[in-house]
Protein backbone atom coordinates (compact mmCIF):
# COMPACT_ATOMS: atom_id res chain seq x y z
CA MET A 1 -7.17 -40.03 13.10
CA LEU A 2 -6.45 -36.28 12.10
CA ASP A 3 -7.23 -33.49 13.98
CA ARG A 4 -6.72 -31.28 10.74
CA ILE A 5 -7.68 -31.34 6.77
CA ARG A 6 -7.60 -29.34 3.80
CA ILE A 7 -10.05 -29.56 0.90
CA ALA A 8 -8.86 -27.91 -2.52
CA THR A 9 -11.70 -26.84 -3.76
CA ARG A 10 -12.75 -24.59 -7.44
CA GLN A 11 -14.26 -21.20 -6.05
CA SER A 12 -17.30 -21.07 -7.94
CA LYS A 13 -20.70 -20.32 -5.65
CA LEU A 14 -21.39 -23.85 -6.59
CA ALA A 15 -17.88 -25.33 -5.99
CA LEU A 16 -17.90 -23.73 -2.23
CA TRP A 17 -21.17 -24.94 -1.84
CA GLN A 18 -20.32 -28.42 -2.26
CA ALA A 19 -17.13 -27.80 -0.20
CA ASN A 20 -18.42 -26.14 2.58
CA PHE A 21 -21.14 -29.04 2.97
CA ILE A 22 -18.04 -31.39 2.92
CA ARG A 23 -16.68 -29.41 5.64
CA ASP A 24 -20.10 -29.88 7.34
CA GLN A 25 -20.54 -33.25 7.17
CA LEU A 26 -16.72 -33.93 8.15
CA ARG A 27 -17.32 -31.52 11.60
CA SER A 28 -20.71 -33.59 12.34
CA TYR A 29 -18.94 -37.02 11.94
CA HIS A 30 -15.63 -35.46 13.53
CA PRO A 31 -16.10 -32.61 16.32
CA GLY A 32 -12.85 -30.58 16.92
CA LEU A 33 -11.73 -31.46 13.38
CA GLU A 34 -10.28 -28.12 11.75
CA VAL A 35 -11.21 -28.04 8.08
CA GLU A 36 -9.92 -25.72 5.28
CA LEU A 37 -10.61 -24.86 2.21
CA VAL A 38 -8.39 -24.56 -0.13
CA GLY A 39 -9.11 -22.48 -3.25
CA MET A 40 -7.80 -22.41 -6.35
CA THR A 41 -8.88 -21.51 -10.22
CA THR A 42 -8.44 -24.55 -12.72
CA LYS A 43 -8.12 -24.60 -16.88
CA GLY A 44 -11.84 -24.76 -17.43
CA ASP A 45 -12.34 -22.38 -15.11
CA ARG A 46 -10.25 -19.76 -17.12
CA TRP A 47 -10.86 -21.34 -20.62
CA LEU A 48 -14.37 -19.50 -21.41
CA ASP A 49 -14.07 -19.05 -24.89
CA SER A 50 -14.35 -22.96 -25.92
CA PRO A 51 -16.90 -25.54 -25.95
CA LEU A 52 -14.72 -28.06 -23.23
CA SER A 53 -15.05 -30.91 -25.72
CA GLU A 54 -12.63 -29.00 -27.92
CA VAL A 55 -10.45 -27.82 -25.39
CA GLY A 56 -9.53 -30.83 -23.25
CA GLY A 57 -12.81 -31.84 -21.76
CA LYS A 58 -14.19 -31.79 -17.84
CA GLY A 59 -10.77 -33.09 -16.81
CA LEU A 60 -9.90 -29.55 -16.62
CA PHE A 61 -11.81 -28.90 -13.97
CA VAL A 62 -9.84 -31.23 -11.69
CA LYS A 63 -6.14 -31.58 -13.13
CA GLU A 64 -5.00 -28.69 -10.91
CA LEU A 65 -6.76 -30.20 -7.06
CA GLU A 66 -5.16 -32.84 -7.92
CA ALA A 67 -1.51 -31.28 -8.44
CA ALA A 68 -2.25 -29.67 -4.85
CA MET A 69 -2.90 -32.92 -2.94
CA LEU A 70 0.33 -34.16 -5.03
CA ASP A 71 2.28 -31.19 -3.81
CA GLY A 72 0.91 -31.18 -0.26
CA LEU A 73 -1.34 -28.53 -0.18
CA ALA A 74 -4.26 -30.22 0.16
CA ASP A 75 -5.50 -33.78 1.76
CA ILE A 76 -8.70 -34.02 -0.26
CA ALA A 77 -10.99 -32.50 -3.04
CA VAL A 78 -14.45 -32.41 -3.99
CA HIS A 79 -16.09 -32.92 -7.09
CA SER A 80 -19.05 -32.84 -8.89
CA MET A 81 -19.05 -36.40 -10.31
CA LYS A 82 -20.06 -35.59 -13.78
CA ASP A 83 -17.21 -33.29 -14.02
CA VAL A 84 -14.34 -36.36 -13.15
CA PRO A 85 -13.25 -38.55 -15.81
CA ALA A 86 -14.07 -42.09 -16.11
CA VAL A 87 -10.18 -42.85 -14.84
CA LEU A 88 -8.50 -41.62 -12.25
CA PRO A 89 -4.69 -40.61 -12.22
CA ASP A 90 -2.42 -43.34 -10.84
CA GLY A 91 -2.43 -43.40 -7.10
CA PHE A 92 -6.04 -41.29 -6.60
CA ILE A 93 -9.05 -42.98 -5.60
CA MET A 94 -12.67 -41.98 -5.05
CA PRO A 95 -13.90 -43.02 -1.45
CA VAL A 96 -16.46 -41.02 -1.29
CA MET A 97 -19.11 -40.18 -3.86
CA ALA A 98 -22.57 -40.29 -2.01
CA TYR A 99 -25.15 -36.80 -1.43
CA ARG A 100 -27.06 -37.49 -4.59
CA GLY A 101 -29.36 -34.19 -5.47
CA PRO A 102 -31.82 -34.49 -8.77
CA VAL A 103 -30.51 -35.56 -11.36
CA GLU A 104 -32.55 -33.65 -14.00
CA ASP A 105 -31.54 -31.08 -16.23
CA MET A 106 -33.19 -27.58 -16.47
CA LEU A 107 -34.34 -25.27 -18.84
CA ILE A 108 -34.28 -21.84 -18.09
CA THR A 109 -36.74 -19.63 -20.79
CA ARG A 110 -37.43 -16.02 -21.73
CA ALA A 111 -39.52 -17.69 -24.10
CA GLY A 112 -41.98 -20.87 -23.08
CA ASP A 113 -41.23 -24.40 -22.32
CA LEU A 114 -39.28 -26.67 -24.47
CA ARG A 115 -42.40 -27.37 -27.01
CA SER A 116 -43.28 -23.89 -27.10
CA LEU A 117 -40.14 -22.18 -27.67
CA PRO A 118 -40.26 -20.05 -31.09
CA GLN A 119 -38.74 -21.36 -34.20
CA GLY A 120 -35.02 -21.52 -34.29
CA ALA A 121 -34.61 -20.18 -30.72
CA ARG A 122 -31.29 -19.61 -29.43
CA ILE A 123 -30.15 -22.32 -26.70
CA GLY A 124 -26.85 -22.21 -24.47
CA SER A 125 -25.75 -25.36 -23.42
CA SER A 126 -22.04 -26.62 -24.25
CA SER A 127 -22.90 -30.06 -23.30
CA LEU A 128 -23.01 -32.21 -26.61
CA ARG A 129 -25.10 -34.66 -24.59
CA ARG A 130 -27.89 -31.97 -23.46
CA GLN A 131 -27.60 -30.73 -27.19
CA ALA A 132 -27.86 -33.59 -28.99
CA GLN A 133 -31.25 -34.78 -26.92
CA LEU A 134 -32.67 -31.35 -27.34
CA LEU A 135 -32.00 -31.51 -31.02
CA THR A 136 -33.47 -34.84 -31.67
CA ILE A 137 -37.00 -33.53 -30.25
CA ARG A 138 -36.21 -29.90 -31.61
CA PRO A 139 -34.17 -30.51 -34.60
CA ASP A 140 -35.25 -26.51 -35.32
CA LEU A 141 -33.46 -25.21 -31.83
CA MET A 142 -30.25 -23.33 -32.64
CA VAL A 143 -27.86 -24.66 -29.76
CA ALA A 144 -24.67 -22.40 -28.89
CA SER A 145 -21.86 -22.48 -26.39
CA ILE A 146 -22.05 -20.75 -23.10
CA ARG A 147 -19.39 -20.89 -20.74
CA GLY A 148 -18.79 -19.84 -17.15
CA ASN A 149 -20.32 -20.09 -13.68
CA VAL A 150 -24.42 -20.51 -13.32
CA GLY A 151 -24.73 -16.95 -12.29
CA THR A 152 -22.39 -15.65 -15.75
CA ARG A 153 -24.80 -18.52 -17.69
CA LEU A 154 -28.08 -16.69 -15.75
CA ALA A 155 -26.77 -12.93 -16.49
CA LYS A 156 -26.42 -14.17 -20.54
CA LEU A 157 -29.63 -15.17 -20.25
CA ASP A 158 -31.31 -12.13 -18.81
CA ALA A 159 -29.21 -9.93 -21.06
CA GLY A 160 -30.96 -11.25 -24.51
CA GLU A 161 -28.12 -13.32 -25.53
CA PHE A 162 -30.11 -16.31 -25.46
CA ASP A 163 -33.49 -17.87 -25.53
CA ALA A 164 -33.14 -20.65 -23.05
CA ILE A 165 -30.35 -21.94 -21.29
CA VAL A 166 -29.84 -25.09 -19.76
CA LEU A 167 -28.11 -26.36 -16.42
CA ALA A 168 -28.42 -28.89 -13.64
CA ARG A 169 -31.54 -28.81 -11.30
CA ALA A 170 -29.36 -29.74 -8.70
CA GLY A 171 -26.99 -26.84 -8.51
CA ILE A 172 -29.55 -24.35 -9.52
CA GLU A 173 -31.47 -26.02 -6.19
CA ARG A 174 -28.21 -26.13 -3.73
CA LEU A 175 -27.45 -22.39 -4.41
CA ASP A 176 -31.43 -21.56 -3.69
CA LEU A 177 -31.60 -19.34 -6.79
CA ASP A 178 -35.11 -17.79 -8.09
CA VAL A 179 -34.74 -18.21 -11.77
CA GLY A 180 -37.63 -17.44 -12.83
CA ASP A 181 -39.47 -19.21 -15.78
CA ALA A 182 -37.72 -23.02 -15.18
CA HIS A 183 -38.85 -26.14 -16.49
CA ILE A 184 -37.03 -29.63 -15.30
CA LEU A 185 -36.37 -31.75 -18.41
CA GLY A 186 -37.21 -35.38 -16.80
CA VAL A 187 -34.92 -38.37 -17.95
CA ASP A 188 -36.91 -39.63 -20.43
CA LEU A 189 -36.07 -36.47 -22.77
CA SER A 190 -32.73 -35.27 -21.27
CA LEU A 191 -30.83 -38.70 -19.42
CA PRO A 192 -28.30 -37.14 -17.64
CA ALA A 193 -24.54 -36.93 -17.59
CA PRO A 194 -22.82 -40.12 -15.84
CA GLY A 195 -21.98 -39.17 -11.87
CA GLN A 196 -24.71 -36.17 -12.32
CA ALA A 197 -25.79 -34.76 -8.83
CA ALA A 198 -23.37 -36.63 -6.64
CA LEU A 199 -20.86 -35.03 -4.83
CA GLY A 200 -17.34 -36.94 -4.95
CA VAL A 201 -14.17 -36.51 -2.26
CA GLU A 202 -11.15 -37.55 -4.21
CA CYS A 203 -7.71 -38.18 -2.28
CA LEU A 204 -4.72 -40.08 -1.91
CA VAL A 205 -3.75 -43.53 -1.18
CA ARG A 206 -3.79 -42.65 2.41
CA GLY A 207 -5.12 -44.47 5.21
CA GLU A 208 -5.87 -42.05 7.43
CA VAL A 209 -7.74 -39.89 4.98
CA GLU A 210 -9.63 -42.90 3.99
CA GLU A 211 -10.57 -43.87 7.80
CA LEU A 212 -11.70 -39.97 8.18
CA LEU A 213 -13.94 -40.08 4.80
CA GLU A 214 -15.63 -43.64 6.09
CA PRO A 215 -18.22 -42.24 7.97
CA LEU A 216 -19.22 -40.41 4.64
CA GLN A 217 -19.92 -43.07 2.33
CA ASP A 218 -22.97 -44.15 0.51
CA ALA A 219 -23.38 -47.63 -1.33
CA GLU A 220 -26.31 -46.91 -2.96
CA VAL A 221 -24.69 -43.78 -4.61
CA SER A 222 -21.87 -45.63 -4.77
CA ALA A 223 -23.07 -48.55 -6.59
CA CYS A 224 -25.30 -46.13 -9.50
CA VAL A 225 -22.63 -43.96 -10.03
CA ARG A 226 -19.80 -45.89 -10.42
CA SER A 227 -22.11 -47.81 -12.81
CA GLU A 228 -22.82 -45.15 -14.89
CA ARG A 229 -19.26 -44.10 -15.06
CA ALA A 230 -18.38 -47.70 -16.22
CA VAL A 231 -20.23 -46.36 -19.29
CA SER A 232 -17.62 -43.66 -19.52
CA ALA A 233 -15.31 -45.98 -19.24
CA GLY A 234 -16.45 -48.20 -21.63
CA PHE A 235 -16.33 -45.40 -24.91
CA GLY A 236 -12.59 -43.70 -23.33
CA ALA A 237 -14.72 -40.73 -22.86
CA ASP A 238 -13.33 -37.60 -21.23
CA CYS A 239 -17.19 -36.69 -20.12
CA SER A 240 -17.83 -34.33 -22.79
CA LEU A 241 -18.74 -36.56 -25.55
CA PRO A 242 -22.56 -37.25 -26.05
CA ILE A 243 -23.06 -39.52 -23.76
CA ALA A 244 -25.44 -39.94 -21.02
CA ALA A 245 -25.96 -42.34 -18.34
CA TYR A 246 -28.62 -42.63 -15.23
CA ALA A 247 -28.49 -45.89 -12.78
CA THR A 248 -31.29 -46.49 -10.13
CA LYS A 249 -31.00 -49.33 -7.28
CA LEU A 250 -33.90 -51.18 -5.65
CA ASP A 251 -32.56 -54.09 -2.75
CA ASP A 252 -29.63 -55.49 -4.82
CA GLN A 253 -30.56 -54.89 -8.38
CA ILE A 254 -29.17 -51.79 -10.22
CA THR A 255 -30.92 -50.06 -13.44
CA LEU A 256 -28.59 -48.70 -15.85
CA ARG A 257 -29.65 -46.50 -18.41
CA ALA A 258 -27.59 -45.08 -21.38
CA LEU A 259 -27.57 -43.75 -25.14
CA VAL A 260 -25.05 -42.17 -27.40
CA ALA A 261 -25.40 -39.74 -29.57
CA ASN A 262 -24.43 -37.32 -32.56
CA ALA A 263 -23.70 -34.04 -31.99
CA ASP A 264 -27.15 -32.77 -34.31
CA GLY A 265 -29.31 -35.23 -32.83
CA SER A 266 -29.69 -37.05 -35.85
CA ARG A 267 -28.78 -40.22 -34.94
CA ILE A 268 -29.36 -41.93 -30.94
CA VAL A 269 -29.26 -45.10 -29.52
CA ARG A 270 -30.13 -45.98 -26.30
CA THR A 271 -30.35 -49.32 -23.93
CA GLU A 272 -31.62 -50.02 -20.49
CA LYS A 273 -30.21 -53.09 -18.60
CA VAL A 274 -30.85 -54.76 -15.09
CA GLY A 275 -27.84 -56.37 -12.99
CA VAL A 276 -26.07 -57.10 -9.84
CA ASN A 277 -22.77 -56.22 -11.12
CA VAL A 278 -21.45 -52.88 -11.04
CA GLU A 279 -18.66 -53.59 -13.96
CA LYS A 280 -20.09 -56.00 -15.47
CA LEU A 281 -23.34 -54.41 -15.91
CA GLY A 282 -21.79 -51.15 -17.48
CA ALA A 283 -20.29 -53.78 -19.82
CA ALA A 284 -23.13 -55.06 -20.97
CA VAL A 285 -24.85 -51.83 -21.57
CA VAL A 286 -22.00 -50.77 -23.54
CA ALA A 287 -21.68 -53.61 -25.57
CA GLU A 288 -25.41 -53.30 -26.42
CA LEU A 289 -24.84 -49.83 -27.56
CA PHE A 290 -22.22 -50.73 -29.75
CA ASP A 291 -24.34 -53.86 -31.45
CA ALA A 292 -26.56 -50.77 -31.62
CA GLY A 293 -24.53 -48.83 -33.56
CA ALA A 294 -23.09 -46.50 -31.37
CA GLN A 295 -19.16 -46.79 -33.21
CA GLU A 296 -20.73 -44.92 -36.24
CA ILE A 297 -22.21 -42.12 -34.08
CA LEU A 298 -18.53 -42.31 -32.87
CA ASP A 299 -17.03 -42.38 -36.06
CA SER A 300 -18.94 -39.25 -37.00
CA LEU A 301 -18.23 -37.19 -34.14
CA ALA A 302 -14.20 -37.69 -35.24
CA ASP A 303 -14.30 -36.46 -38.64
């Protein structure tokens, strides 16, 4: 078995927290293992002036990390699963999808909760998924793009650029941040992105690395995230479309909820199904969404 492994990671505080967490897990299962972090800046970190949906999607956060593995500079990469495109490049696998935190979105405000925000309040979010669901509840809100790491976004809120911003609850809690007036948006209000709050470890197909990662695997989290990602794959989504999916597992049964919406929240279709086979369940959910009018919504986004 390997005695040294290199982890490619972005250099934001949250990405480093995730990489250090996986490092600690590896060390706990493999005492004496040497683990090195290889910090990198991705295109997604550099291109902050436009929404991700306009500059290539969240795959921009992972491509340089994959290139580092292909170039032999790193052995694995740690990702937030919601940032990973539904289909991996040839030669890559995701043997670990685990350590899922709270999946909800969180509204952080200067002026009350979602229903008490003033008319026309300015909300910071670059996620079309979040935008659509917020506008379904409060069509008067003004949702504007906000990019940057968690600290940058909170600073923009403090500076008065926004009345509220939306972030993932898991990131706030993992960084142990005191964000003041924060309101958890339950999954009934804001259905999460596929894979939200789960960590993923990616590598090239390489037996000795996979063997090292085996103790980190979590069958339940993996099954749920795979079913959610099957929804994204069914729509050809790269994580930037207004598509949401969230699965839970009880015994052998997976309950998968999903939706697709247009950007202004004026039309949204939802479904929920229960099944055992991950791929078949995801395909059945996608089929029901298309039957309910998802294609018309996607066509409107392309116009």
